[in-house]
N, C-alpha and C. Protein backbone atom coordinates (compact mmCIF):
# COMPACT_ATOMS: atom_id res chain seq x y z
N MET A 1 -73.89 127.56 -2.85
CA MET A 1 -75.27 127.31 -3.21
C MET A 1 -75.42 125.79 -3.56
N ARG A 2 -76.38 125.18 -2.95
CA ARG A 2 -76.56 123.80 -3.21
C ARG A 2 -77.51 123.51 -4.39
N LYS A 3 -77.30 122.46 -5.14
CA LYS A 3 -78.16 122.23 -6.34
C LYS A 3 -79.19 121.17 -5.78
N LEU A 4 -80.47 121.59 -6.14
CA LEU A 4 -81.65 120.66 -5.84
C LEU A 4 -81.69 119.54 -6.81
N LEU A 5 -80.73 118.68 -6.83
CA LEU A 5 -80.74 117.62 -7.80
C LEU A 5 -80.73 116.28 -7.03
N LEU A 6 -81.62 115.38 -7.27
CA LEU A 6 -81.82 114.06 -6.58
C LEU A 6 -81.82 113.01 -7.67
N VAL A 7 -80.67 112.10 -7.62
CA VAL A 7 -80.51 111.10 -8.52
C VAL A 7 -81.16 109.94 -7.85
N VAL A 8 -82.22 109.36 -8.51
CA VAL A 8 -82.80 108.11 -7.96
C VAL A 8 -82.91 107.08 -8.98
N CYS A 9 -82.78 105.89 -8.46
CA CYS A 9 -82.72 104.73 -9.37
C CYS A 9 -82.87 103.52 -8.57
N THR A 10 -83.46 102.33 -9.02
CA THR A 10 -83.61 101.15 -8.36
C THR A 10 -83.23 99.97 -9.23
N ALA A 11 -82.51 99.09 -8.56
CA ALA A 11 -82.10 97.83 -9.26
C ALA A 11 -82.70 96.68 -8.64
N ILE A 12 -83.24 95.79 -9.38
CA ILE A 12 -83.96 94.50 -8.74
C ILE A 12 -82.96 93.47 -9.30
N GLY A 13 -82.55 92.64 -8.21
CA GLY A 13 -81.33 91.86 -8.36
C GLY A 13 -81.23 90.93 -9.42
N LEU A 14 -79.99 90.74 -9.85
CA LEU A 14 -79.58 89.66 -10.71
C LEU A 14 -79.79 88.38 -10.09
N VAL A 15 -79.50 88.33 -8.81
CA VAL A 15 -79.65 87.13 -7.97
C VAL A 15 -81.02 87.11 -7.20
N THR A 16 -81.88 86.18 -7.51
CA THR A 16 -83.19 86.11 -6.93
C THR A 16 -83.30 85.05 -5.80
N ALA A 17 -82.38 84.09 -5.80
CA ALA A 17 -82.44 83.15 -4.70
C ALA A 17 -81.44 83.43 -3.66
N VAL A 18 -81.81 84.00 -2.54
CA VAL A 18 -80.83 84.37 -1.49
C VAL A 18 -81.47 84.03 -0.11
N THR A 19 -80.61 84.08 0.83
CA THR A 19 -81.05 84.00 2.27
C THR A 19 -81.16 85.42 2.78
N ALA A 20 -82.02 85.69 3.57
CA ALA A 20 -82.23 87.01 4.13
C ALA A 20 -80.99 87.38 5.12
N TYR A 21 -80.42 88.54 4.87
CA TYR A 21 -79.29 88.95 5.75
C TYR A 21 -79.32 90.41 5.72
N GLY A 22 -79.70 90.87 6.98
CA GLY A 22 -79.70 92.26 7.08
C GLY A 22 -78.80 92.84 8.29
N GLU A 23 -77.84 92.20 8.54
CA GLU A 23 -76.92 92.71 9.69
C GLU A 23 -76.24 94.01 9.28
N ALA A 24 -75.95 94.81 10.42
CA ALA A 24 -75.36 96.06 10.19
C ALA A 24 -73.91 95.73 9.42
N GLY A 25 -73.33 94.73 9.67
CA GLY A 25 -72.00 94.38 9.07
C GLY A 25 -72.11 94.47 7.52
N LEU A 26 -73.27 94.06 6.95
CA LEU A 26 -73.39 94.07 5.60
C LEU A 26 -73.32 95.47 5.02
N ALA A 27 -73.97 96.40 5.80
CA ALA A 27 -74.03 97.76 5.32
C ALA A 27 -72.55 98.27 5.22
N ASP A 28 -71.87 97.99 6.34
CA ASP A 28 -70.36 98.45 6.34
C ASP A 28 -69.70 97.81 5.21
N GLN A 29 -69.87 96.56 4.87
CA GLN A 29 -69.14 95.82 3.75
C GLN A 29 -69.61 96.43 2.42
N VAL A 30 -70.90 96.91 2.22
CA VAL A 30 -71.29 97.45 0.97
C VAL A 30 -70.50 98.70 0.71
N LEU A 31 -70.48 99.56 1.80
CA LEU A 31 -69.72 100.88 1.53
C LEU A 31 -68.14 100.56 1.27
N ALA A 32 -67.57 99.61 1.93
CA ALA A 32 -66.31 99.14 1.65
C ALA A 32 -66.18 98.80 0.13
N GLU A 33 -67.03 98.04 -0.28
CA GLU A 33 -66.98 97.57 -1.69
C GLU A 33 -67.07 98.81 -2.68
N ILE A 34 -68.14 99.68 -2.24
CA ILE A 34 -68.21 100.82 -3.24
C ILE A 34 -66.87 101.65 -3.15
N ASN A 35 -66.23 101.74 -2.10
CA ASN A 35 -65.05 102.54 -2.02
C ASN A 35 -63.86 101.67 -2.72
N LEU A 36 -63.86 100.44 -2.65
CA LEU A 36 -62.94 99.72 -3.50
C LEU A 36 -63.18 100.07 -5.04
N ALA A 37 -64.38 99.90 -5.43
CA ALA A 37 -64.63 100.28 -6.87
C ALA A 37 -64.29 101.72 -7.19
N ARG A 38 -64.50 102.62 -6.31
CA ARG A 38 -64.20 104.01 -6.62
C ARG A 38 -62.63 104.23 -6.65
N THR A 39 -61.99 103.71 -5.62
CA THR A 39 -60.50 103.87 -5.63
C THR A 39 -59.59 103.08 -6.46
N ASN A 40 -60.18 101.88 -6.97
CA ASN A 40 -59.49 100.88 -7.69
C ASN A 40 -60.39 100.23 -8.80
N PRO A 41 -60.97 101.14 -9.75
CA PRO A 41 -61.86 100.64 -10.64
C PRO A 41 -61.39 99.37 -11.52
N LYS A 42 -60.06 99.42 -11.76
CA LYS A 42 -59.49 98.26 -12.61
C LYS A 42 -59.55 96.98 -11.87
N ALA A 43 -59.38 97.03 -10.68
CA ALA A 43 -59.55 95.87 -9.84
C ALA A 43 -60.87 95.31 -9.84
N TYR A 44 -61.88 96.30 -9.77
CA TYR A 44 -63.20 95.78 -9.83
C TYR A 44 -63.68 95.33 -11.11
N ALA A 45 -63.07 95.76 -12.31
CA ALA A 45 -63.22 95.19 -13.50
C ALA A 45 -62.89 93.77 -13.70
N GLY A 46 -61.68 93.42 -12.81
CA GLY A 46 -61.38 92.01 -12.71
C GLY A 46 -62.33 91.19 -12.15
N PHE A 47 -63.01 91.62 -11.06
CA PHE A 47 -64.10 90.77 -10.30
C PHE A 47 -65.27 90.63 -11.51
N LEU A 48 -65.47 91.49 -12.37
CA LEU A 48 -66.55 91.53 -13.17
C LEU A 48 -66.13 90.47 -14.37
N ARG A 49 -64.86 90.47 -14.75
CA ARG A 49 -64.46 89.51 -15.73
C ARG A 49 -64.63 88.11 -15.11
N GLU A 50 -64.34 87.97 -13.88
CA GLU A 50 -64.51 86.55 -13.33
C GLU A 50 -65.96 86.15 -13.31
N PHE A 51 -66.89 87.11 -12.91
CA PHE A 51 -68.34 86.92 -13.06
C PHE A 51 -68.79 86.59 -14.35
N ARG A 52 -68.21 87.21 -15.38
CA ARG A 52 -68.59 87.06 -16.83
C ARG A 52 -68.52 85.63 -17.21
N THR A 53 -67.51 84.89 -16.64
CA THR A 53 -67.39 83.44 -17.26
C THR A 53 -68.51 82.50 -16.59
N GLN A 54 -69.44 83.06 -15.82
CA GLN A 54 -70.59 82.28 -15.32
C GLN A 54 -71.72 82.33 -16.39
N PHE A 55 -71.66 83.09 -17.37
CA PHE A 55 -72.84 83.49 -18.27
C PHE A 55 -72.86 82.46 -19.51
N ARG A 56 -74.04 82.21 -19.87
CA ARG A 56 -74.36 81.44 -21.07
C ARG A 56 -75.61 82.21 -21.65
N GLY A 57 -75.14 83.09 -22.61
CA GLY A 57 -76.33 83.93 -23.18
C GLY A 57 -76.79 84.82 -22.06
N LYS A 58 -78.08 84.87 -21.79
CA LYS A 58 -78.64 85.85 -20.80
C LYS A 58 -78.77 85.18 -19.43
N ASP A 59 -78.31 83.89 -19.41
CA ASP A 59 -78.34 83.20 -18.15
C ASP A 59 -77.00 83.00 -17.48
N TYR A 60 -76.97 82.79 -16.19
CA TYR A 60 -75.82 82.48 -15.49
C TYR A 60 -75.98 81.68 -14.28
N ARG A 61 -75.05 81.00 -13.77
CA ARG A 61 -75.13 79.94 -12.65
C ARG A 61 -74.04 80.22 -11.71
N GLN A 62 -74.31 80.61 -10.49
CA GLN A 62 -73.21 80.78 -9.54
C GLN A 62 -72.52 79.57 -9.27
N PRO A 63 -71.16 79.53 -9.01
CA PRO A 63 -70.50 78.26 -8.77
C PRO A 63 -71.10 77.51 -7.56
N GLY A 64 -71.29 76.21 -7.85
CA GLY A 64 -71.84 75.32 -6.93
C GLY A 64 -73.34 75.37 -6.61
N SER A 65 -74.01 76.24 -7.44
CA SER A 65 -75.43 76.36 -7.32
C SER A 65 -76.25 75.77 -8.44
N PRO A 66 -77.19 75.01 -8.26
CA PRO A 66 -78.05 74.40 -9.28
C PRO A 66 -79.07 75.33 -9.91
N ILE A 67 -79.15 76.65 -9.35
CA ILE A 67 -80.15 77.57 -9.91
C ILE A 67 -79.60 78.34 -11.10
N LEU A 68 -80.34 78.31 -12.25
CA LEU A 68 -79.97 79.19 -13.36
C LEU A 68 -80.70 80.56 -13.22
N ILE A 69 -79.97 81.67 -13.25
CA ILE A 69 -80.44 82.98 -13.12
C ILE A 69 -80.64 83.68 -14.54
N ARG A 70 -81.83 84.13 -14.78
CA ARG A 70 -82.12 84.81 -16.07
C ARG A 70 -81.92 86.29 -15.81
N THR A 71 -81.18 87.02 -16.69
CA THR A 71 -81.00 88.44 -16.71
C THR A 71 -81.76 89.06 -17.87
N THR A 72 -81.89 90.36 -17.87
CA THR A 72 -82.60 91.09 -18.89
C THR A 72 -81.64 91.25 -20.12
N GLU A 73 -80.43 91.60 -19.89
CA GLU A 73 -79.41 91.99 -21.04
C GLU A 73 -78.49 90.88 -21.39
N GLY A 74 -78.26 89.97 -20.29
CA GLY A 74 -77.21 89.00 -20.48
C GLY A 74 -75.74 89.47 -20.28
N ALA A 75 -74.85 88.79 -20.82
CA ALA A 75 -73.43 89.09 -20.64
C ALA A 75 -73.12 90.47 -21.18
N GLY A 76 -73.76 90.97 -22.18
CA GLY A 76 -73.55 92.26 -22.78
C GLY A 76 -73.40 93.42 -21.74
N ALA A 77 -74.29 93.33 -20.82
CA ALA A 77 -74.20 94.40 -19.76
C ALA A 77 -73.01 94.41 -18.93
N VAL A 78 -72.58 93.16 -18.74
CA VAL A 78 -71.31 92.91 -17.95
C VAL A 78 -70.13 93.33 -18.72
N ASP A 79 -70.17 93.07 -20.00
CA ASP A 79 -69.09 93.44 -20.87
C ASP A 79 -68.95 94.97 -20.94
N GLU A 80 -70.12 95.56 -20.92
CA GLU A 80 -70.09 97.11 -21.01
C GLU A 80 -69.54 97.69 -19.66
N ALA A 81 -69.95 97.13 -18.61
CA ALA A 81 -69.43 97.53 -17.33
C ALA A 81 -67.90 97.36 -17.14
N ILE A 82 -67.45 96.30 -17.62
CA ILE A 82 -65.98 96.10 -17.75
C ILE A 82 -65.33 97.13 -18.51
N ARG A 83 -65.81 97.49 -19.66
CA ARG A 83 -65.19 98.50 -20.55
C ARG A 83 -65.11 99.77 -19.72
N VAL A 84 -66.23 100.21 -19.11
CA VAL A 84 -66.37 101.46 -18.40
C VAL A 84 -65.38 101.58 -17.26
N LEU A 85 -65.33 100.45 -16.45
CA LEU A 85 -64.38 100.46 -15.24
C LEU A 85 -62.95 100.49 -15.69
N SER A 86 -62.65 99.82 -16.90
CA SER A 86 -61.24 99.78 -17.38
C SER A 86 -60.70 101.14 -17.68
N ARG A 87 -61.77 102.09 -18.03
CA ARG A 87 -61.31 103.49 -18.39
C ARG A 87 -61.60 104.47 -17.25
N GLN A 88 -62.17 104.06 -16.11
CA GLN A 88 -62.58 104.92 -15.12
C GLN A 88 -61.43 105.35 -14.31
N LYS A 89 -61.25 106.61 -14.03
CA LYS A 89 -60.13 107.24 -13.24
C LYS A 89 -60.52 106.91 -11.83
N PRO A 90 -59.51 106.62 -10.85
CA PRO A 90 -59.82 106.41 -9.56
C PRO A 90 -60.37 107.75 -8.88
N LEU A 91 -61.24 107.43 -7.94
CA LEU A 91 -61.86 108.59 -7.21
C LEU A 91 -61.60 108.34 -5.61
N GLN A 92 -61.84 109.43 -4.93
CA GLN A 92 -61.48 109.33 -3.47
C GLN A 92 -62.70 108.52 -2.87
N PRO A 93 -62.45 107.77 -1.71
CA PRO A 93 -63.50 106.97 -1.07
C PRO A 93 -64.54 107.87 -0.41
N LEU A 94 -65.61 107.40 -0.12
CA LEU A 94 -66.74 108.10 0.51
C LEU A 94 -66.65 107.75 2.05
N SER A 95 -66.85 108.83 2.84
CA SER A 95 -66.79 108.67 4.22
C SER A 95 -68.20 108.21 4.70
N TRP A 96 -68.27 107.51 5.84
CA TRP A 96 -69.46 107.01 6.43
C TRP A 96 -70.23 108.05 7.06
N SER A 97 -71.63 108.26 6.82
CA SER A 97 -72.47 109.22 7.33
C SER A 97 -73.52 108.61 8.18
N ARG A 98 -73.48 108.72 9.55
CA ARG A 98 -74.48 108.10 10.33
C ARG A 98 -75.86 108.69 9.91
N GLY A 99 -76.01 109.90 9.61
CA GLY A 99 -77.39 110.53 9.37
C GLY A 99 -77.74 109.93 8.07
N LEU A 100 -76.99 109.76 7.02
CA LEU A 100 -77.46 109.22 5.79
C LEU A 100 -77.76 107.76 5.99
N ALA A 101 -77.11 107.01 6.67
CA ALA A 101 -77.31 105.58 7.12
C ALA A 101 -78.79 105.54 7.74
N ALA A 102 -79.02 106.53 8.58
CA ALA A 102 -80.33 106.48 9.41
C ALA A 102 -81.46 106.71 8.35
N ALA A 103 -81.18 107.67 7.37
CA ALA A 103 -82.27 107.98 6.39
C ALA A 103 -82.45 106.55 5.49
N ALA A 104 -81.39 105.92 5.14
CA ALA A 104 -81.49 104.62 4.26
C ALA A 104 -82.24 103.60 5.06
N ALA A 105 -81.89 103.55 6.36
CA ALA A 105 -82.57 102.66 7.26
C ALA A 105 -84.20 102.76 7.34
N GLU A 106 -84.66 104.06 7.37
CA GLU A 106 -85.97 104.25 7.32
C GLU A 106 -86.67 103.43 6.08
N LEU A 107 -86.11 103.63 4.92
CA LEU A 107 -86.69 102.93 3.83
C LEU A 107 -86.58 101.39 3.96
N VAL A 108 -85.41 100.94 4.40
CA VAL A 108 -85.31 99.54 4.53
C VAL A 108 -86.27 98.89 5.47
N GLU A 109 -86.54 99.58 6.64
CA GLU A 109 -87.62 99.11 7.62
C GLU A 109 -88.91 99.26 7.01
N ASP A 110 -89.12 100.37 6.25
CA ASP A 110 -90.54 100.56 5.67
C ASP A 110 -90.76 99.37 4.67
N GLU A 111 -89.95 99.18 3.67
CA GLU A 111 -90.09 98.16 2.61
C GLU A 111 -90.05 96.72 3.21
N GLY A 112 -89.18 96.59 4.24
CA GLY A 112 -89.30 95.30 4.79
C GLY A 112 -90.53 94.92 5.45
N GLU A 113 -91.26 95.81 5.87
CA GLU A 113 -92.70 95.52 6.36
C GLU A 113 -93.70 95.51 5.21
N SER A 114 -93.69 96.41 4.30
CA SER A 114 -94.66 96.48 3.28
C SER A 114 -94.37 95.69 2.10
N GLY A 115 -93.26 95.17 1.71
CA GLY A 115 -92.93 94.50 0.56
C GLY A 115 -92.86 95.39 -0.68
N MET A 116 -92.93 96.70 -0.50
CA MET A 116 -92.95 97.51 -1.74
C MET A 116 -91.55 97.72 -2.12
N THR A 117 -91.36 98.28 -3.32
CA THR A 117 -89.97 98.57 -3.97
C THR A 117 -90.08 100.01 -4.27
N GLY A 118 -88.91 100.62 -4.62
CA GLY A 118 -88.82 102.06 -5.03
C GLY A 118 -88.40 103.07 -3.95
N HIS A 119 -88.33 104.25 -4.34
CA HIS A 119 -87.82 105.29 -3.46
C HIS A 119 -88.70 105.94 -2.68
N VAL A 120 -90.06 105.92 -2.93
CA VAL A 120 -91.07 106.43 -2.00
C VAL A 120 -91.73 105.42 -1.20
N GLY A 121 -91.34 105.49 0.09
CA GLY A 121 -91.78 104.55 1.04
C GLY A 121 -93.25 104.79 1.41
N HIS A 122 -93.98 103.71 1.95
CA HIS A 122 -95.23 103.68 2.35
C HIS A 122 -95.49 104.74 3.64
N THR A 123 -94.51 104.68 4.48
CA THR A 123 -94.59 105.47 5.63
C THR A 123 -93.40 106.47 5.86
N SER A 124 -92.26 106.13 5.09
CA SER A 124 -91.11 106.94 5.33
C SER A 124 -90.94 108.17 4.37
N GLY A 125 -91.69 108.15 3.25
CA GLY A 125 -91.76 109.28 2.39
C GLY A 125 -90.55 109.19 1.29
N SER A 126 -90.29 110.35 0.74
CA SER A 126 -89.33 110.50 -0.38
C SER A 126 -87.92 110.35 0.12
N PRO A 127 -86.90 110.16 -0.65
CA PRO A 127 -85.57 110.22 -0.31
C PRO A 127 -85.16 111.64 0.33
N LEU A 128 -85.68 112.67 -0.30
CA LEU A 128 -85.43 114.07 0.25
C LEU A 128 -86.01 114.12 1.58
N GLU A 129 -87.16 113.78 1.80
CA GLU A 129 -87.83 113.83 3.18
C GLU A 129 -87.03 113.01 4.22
N ARG A 130 -86.67 111.84 3.83
CA ARG A 130 -85.91 111.06 4.80
C ARG A 130 -84.47 111.62 5.15
N ILE A 131 -83.84 112.14 4.00
CA ILE A 131 -82.51 112.65 4.34
C ILE A 131 -82.59 113.89 5.19
N GLU A 132 -83.64 114.75 4.90
CA GLU A 132 -83.71 116.13 5.51
C GLU A 132 -84.15 115.83 7.05
N ARG A 133 -84.72 114.73 7.29
CA ARG A 133 -85.06 114.42 8.79
C ARG A 133 -83.86 114.23 9.67
N HIS A 134 -82.67 114.02 8.91
CA HIS A 134 -81.54 113.55 9.65
C HIS A 134 -80.41 114.47 9.60
N GLY A 135 -80.54 115.55 8.73
CA GLY A 135 -79.53 116.65 8.70
C GLY A 135 -79.67 117.50 7.53
N THR A 136 -78.67 118.31 7.16
CA THR A 136 -78.61 119.26 6.09
C THR A 136 -77.59 118.87 5.07
N TRP A 137 -78.10 118.77 3.76
CA TRP A 137 -77.26 118.43 2.75
C TRP A 137 -76.73 119.63 1.98
N GLN A 138 -75.60 119.38 1.31
CA GLN A 138 -74.98 120.46 0.42
C GLN A 138 -74.65 119.75 -0.87
N GLY A 139 -74.81 120.51 -1.96
CA GLY A 139 -74.41 120.18 -3.26
C GLY A 139 -75.28 119.26 -3.98
N LEU A 140 -75.27 118.02 -3.71
CA LEU A 140 -75.87 116.96 -4.53
C LEU A 140 -76.27 115.86 -3.61
N ILE A 141 -77.39 115.28 -3.75
CA ILE A 141 -77.70 113.97 -3.03
C ILE A 141 -78.34 112.99 -3.98
N GLY A 142 -78.23 111.73 -3.68
CA GLY A 142 -78.74 110.67 -4.51
C GLY A 142 -79.07 109.38 -3.73
N GLU A 143 -79.66 108.45 -4.17
CA GLU A 143 -80.21 107.34 -3.52
C GLU A 143 -80.26 106.17 -4.66
N SER A 144 -79.57 105.09 -4.26
CA SER A 144 -79.64 103.83 -4.92
C SER A 144 -80.20 102.73 -4.07
N ILE A 145 -80.87 101.81 -4.72
CA ILE A 145 -81.42 100.61 -3.98
C ILE A 145 -81.22 99.37 -4.70
N GLY A 146 -80.75 98.40 -4.01
CA GLY A 146 -80.57 96.98 -4.69
C GLY A 146 -81.37 96.02 -3.96
N TYR A 147 -81.97 94.99 -4.68
CA TYR A 147 -82.67 94.02 -4.03
C TYR A 147 -82.17 92.63 -4.50
N GLY A 148 -82.07 91.81 -3.52
CA GLY A 148 -81.64 90.40 -3.93
C GLY A 148 -80.36 89.87 -3.23
N PRO A 149 -79.11 90.40 -3.73
CA PRO A 149 -78.01 89.78 -3.05
C PRO A 149 -77.85 90.03 -1.61
N ASP A 150 -77.29 88.90 -0.97
CA ASP A 150 -77.04 89.11 0.56
C ASP A 150 -75.51 89.08 0.83
N LYS A 151 -74.84 89.27 -0.15
CA LYS A 151 -73.31 89.50 -0.03
C LYS A 151 -72.90 90.79 -0.62
N ALA A 152 -72.06 91.55 0.07
CA ALA A 152 -71.68 92.93 -0.34
C ALA A 152 -71.27 93.13 -1.78
N ARG A 153 -70.24 92.16 -2.22
CA ARG A 153 -69.68 92.21 -3.46
C ARG A 153 -70.72 92.02 -4.49
N ALA A 154 -71.60 90.91 -4.33
CA ALA A 154 -72.67 90.68 -5.28
C ALA A 154 -73.52 91.97 -5.42
N MET A 155 -73.88 92.56 -4.34
CA MET A 155 -74.77 93.74 -4.36
C MET A 155 -74.18 94.82 -5.16
N VAL A 156 -72.91 95.05 -4.85
CA VAL A 156 -72.25 96.29 -5.53
C VAL A 156 -71.97 95.94 -7.05
N MET A 157 -71.69 94.72 -7.33
CA MET A 157 -71.52 94.28 -8.70
C MET A 157 -72.77 94.40 -9.45
N GLN A 158 -73.88 94.11 -8.80
CA GLN A 158 -75.22 94.30 -9.40
C GLN A 158 -75.43 95.77 -9.66
N LEU A 159 -75.11 96.59 -8.81
CA LEU A 159 -75.40 98.06 -8.99
C LEU A 159 -74.49 98.63 -10.13
N ILE A 160 -73.29 98.17 -10.24
CA ILE A 160 -72.28 98.68 -11.18
C ILE A 160 -72.79 98.01 -12.64
N ILE A 161 -73.17 96.79 -12.58
CA ILE A 161 -73.68 96.18 -14.01
C ILE A 161 -74.78 96.93 -14.52
N ASP A 162 -75.88 97.12 -13.50
CA ASP A 162 -77.11 97.87 -13.75
C ASP A 162 -77.84 97.14 -14.85
N ASP A 163 -77.99 95.88 -14.89
CA ASP A 163 -78.66 95.09 -15.87
C ASP A 163 -80.20 95.63 -15.91
N GLY A 164 -80.67 96.01 -17.18
CA GLY A 164 -82.01 96.46 -17.24
C GLY A 164 -82.30 97.83 -16.97
N VAL A 165 -81.27 98.58 -16.45
CA VAL A 165 -81.41 100.05 -16.27
C VAL A 165 -80.78 100.86 -17.34
N PRO A 166 -81.50 101.32 -18.24
CA PRO A 166 -80.97 101.99 -19.38
C PRO A 166 -80.08 103.13 -19.23
N ASP A 167 -80.27 103.98 -18.18
CA ASP A 167 -79.30 105.14 -17.98
C ASP A 167 -78.11 104.81 -17.06
N ARG A 168 -78.08 103.40 -16.61
CA ARG A 168 -77.04 103.00 -15.69
C ARG A 168 -76.93 103.91 -14.55
N GLY A 169 -78.12 104.28 -13.93
CA GLY A 169 -78.03 105.33 -12.82
C GLY A 169 -77.28 104.87 -11.58
N HIS A 170 -77.31 103.59 -11.24
CA HIS A 170 -76.61 103.08 -10.04
C HIS A 170 -75.16 103.16 -10.20
N ARG A 171 -74.69 102.88 -11.43
CA ARG A 171 -73.21 102.93 -11.79
C ARG A 171 -72.76 104.42 -11.59
N LYS A 172 -73.50 105.15 -12.17
CA LYS A 172 -73.21 106.69 -12.21
C LYS A 172 -73.17 107.26 -10.84
N SER A 173 -74.10 106.82 -9.90
CA SER A 173 -73.98 107.24 -8.53
C SER A 173 -72.75 106.78 -7.83
N ILE A 174 -72.45 105.55 -8.05
CA ILE A 174 -71.16 105.08 -7.47
C ILE A 174 -69.94 105.83 -7.84
N PHE A 175 -69.91 106.23 -9.17
CA PHE A 175 -68.72 106.88 -9.78
C PHE A 175 -68.93 108.40 -9.91
N THR A 176 -69.84 109.01 -9.13
CA THR A 176 -70.08 110.38 -9.27
C THR A 176 -68.97 111.19 -8.37
N PRO A 177 -68.09 111.96 -9.07
CA PRO A 177 -66.95 112.53 -8.31
C PRO A 177 -67.39 113.53 -7.14
N ALA A 178 -68.58 114.10 -7.36
CA ALA A 178 -68.93 115.14 -6.40
C ALA A 178 -69.34 114.48 -5.02
N TYR A 179 -69.76 113.19 -5.00
CA TYR A 179 -70.16 112.61 -3.78
C TYR A 179 -68.93 112.45 -2.91
N ARG A 180 -69.13 112.80 -1.54
CA ARG A 180 -67.96 112.71 -0.61
C ARG A 180 -68.37 111.81 0.56
N THR A 181 -69.62 111.58 0.76
CA THR A 181 -70.15 110.80 1.88
C THR A 181 -71.32 109.94 1.53
N ALA A 182 -71.57 108.87 2.39
CA ALA A 182 -72.64 108.04 2.06
C ALA A 182 -73.04 107.25 3.37
N GLY A 183 -74.23 106.85 3.35
CA GLY A 183 -74.74 106.02 4.42
C GLY A 183 -75.57 104.77 3.75
N VAL A 184 -75.34 103.58 4.32
CA VAL A 184 -75.95 102.41 3.90
C VAL A 184 -76.81 101.70 5.03
N ALA A 185 -77.83 101.12 4.52
CA ALA A 185 -78.61 100.24 5.36
C ALA A 185 -79.00 99.08 4.61
N CYS A 186 -79.05 97.87 5.17
CA CYS A 186 -79.54 96.49 4.59
C CYS A 186 -80.49 95.96 5.49
N GLY A 187 -81.40 95.13 4.89
CA GLY A 187 -82.32 94.26 5.74
C GLY A 187 -83.09 93.37 4.88
N PRO A 188 -83.88 92.58 5.55
CA PRO A 188 -84.69 91.64 4.80
C PRO A 188 -85.79 92.26 4.12
N HIS A 189 -86.19 91.69 2.91
CA HIS A 189 -87.31 92.08 2.05
C HIS A 189 -88.19 90.95 1.76
N PRO A 190 -89.43 91.03 2.02
CA PRO A 190 -90.43 89.81 1.94
C PRO A 190 -90.43 89.22 0.58
N ARG A 191 -90.20 90.00 -0.56
CA ARG A 191 -90.20 89.44 -1.97
C ARG A 191 -88.86 89.14 -2.47
N TYR A 192 -87.95 89.85 -2.13
CA TYR A 192 -86.47 89.64 -2.72
C TYR A 192 -85.45 89.00 -1.75
N GLY A 193 -85.96 88.81 -0.55
CA GLY A 193 -85.01 88.25 0.47
C GLY A 193 -84.23 89.24 1.14
N ASN A 194 -83.70 90.21 0.46
CA ASN A 194 -82.74 91.19 1.05
C ASN A 194 -82.71 92.43 0.11
N MET A 195 -82.41 93.57 0.74
CA MET A 195 -82.27 94.88 0.08
C MET A 195 -81.21 95.72 0.75
N CYS A 196 -80.58 96.64 0.11
CA CYS A 196 -79.74 97.61 0.60
C CYS A 196 -80.08 98.94 -0.06
N ALA A 197 -80.22 99.96 0.78
CA ALA A 197 -80.31 101.30 0.33
C ALA A 197 -79.07 102.07 0.64
N ILE A 198 -78.69 102.90 -0.35
CA ILE A 198 -77.45 103.67 -0.22
C ILE A 198 -77.81 105.15 -0.47
N ASP A 199 -77.62 106.02 0.44
CA ASP A 199 -77.85 107.45 0.31
C ASP A 199 -76.51 108.14 0.16
N PHE A 200 -76.35 109.01 -0.88
CA PHE A 200 -75.14 109.73 -1.16
C PHE A 200 -75.33 111.25 -0.85
N ALA A 201 -74.27 111.82 -0.59
CA ALA A 201 -74.36 113.36 -0.57
C ALA A 201 -72.90 113.94 -1.00
N ALA A 202 -72.94 115.10 -1.59
CA ALA A 202 -71.61 115.77 -1.73
C ALA A 202 -71.21 116.44 -0.30
N GLY A 203 -72.23 116.87 0.46
CA GLY A 203 -71.93 117.25 1.87
C GLY A 203 -73.14 117.01 2.74
N PHE A 204 -72.88 116.58 3.96
CA PHE A 204 -73.94 116.27 4.79
C PHE A 204 -73.57 116.77 6.33
N ARG A 205 -74.52 117.46 6.89
CA ARG A 205 -74.27 117.81 8.40
C ARG A 205 -75.46 117.14 9.06
N GLU A 206 -75.12 116.34 10.02
CA GLU A 206 -76.04 115.53 10.78
C GLU A 206 -76.71 116.49 11.76
N ARG A 207 -78.11 116.18 11.95
CA ARG A 207 -78.84 116.87 12.85
C ARG A 207 -78.48 116.50 14.39
N ARG A 208 -78.29 117.34 15.20
CA ARG A 208 -77.95 117.08 16.53
C ARG A 208 -79.17 116.78 17.48
């Protein structure tokens, strides 16, 4: 019996100055980064420690960049993420789902045209509607969206840190043991430069 539970959350980027990059390769890389974080969370905590050195209070500057980025919580959110990942037990990697990627791509295309943010698209509908257009899900489904970074590691670190998201819903999605499969789509966004949508499922059977 599947649980009708949909975990939805949206992160708007720590990085606001990016070049638009929506190649299919970025989606593959994002899932690879999520799987690295799931299977080796302590290694990912090391990436966050390196990122932490770029902060001065609530601001940080990427190496070689003159642009100062303002965050909501500052380095404290990074420190919290480091502590959590240092205690996190490794999880199995997520398999790629063509159907879930197609559902995520509907939202990316929709918001790339409308400039909207969030989980309910102007023309594509809700996460549940998009996912069920492409197959049948079992157990649990969820969706995370990140706006801003055009590099996979920066995007996944943003979701794990979850600056300004009180319940850390993106981080929870990445480290939900029940999830077994996911699909990712990335593309240009008129306001934030880039976006990635990730649809998760405990089980998913693609529509033929």
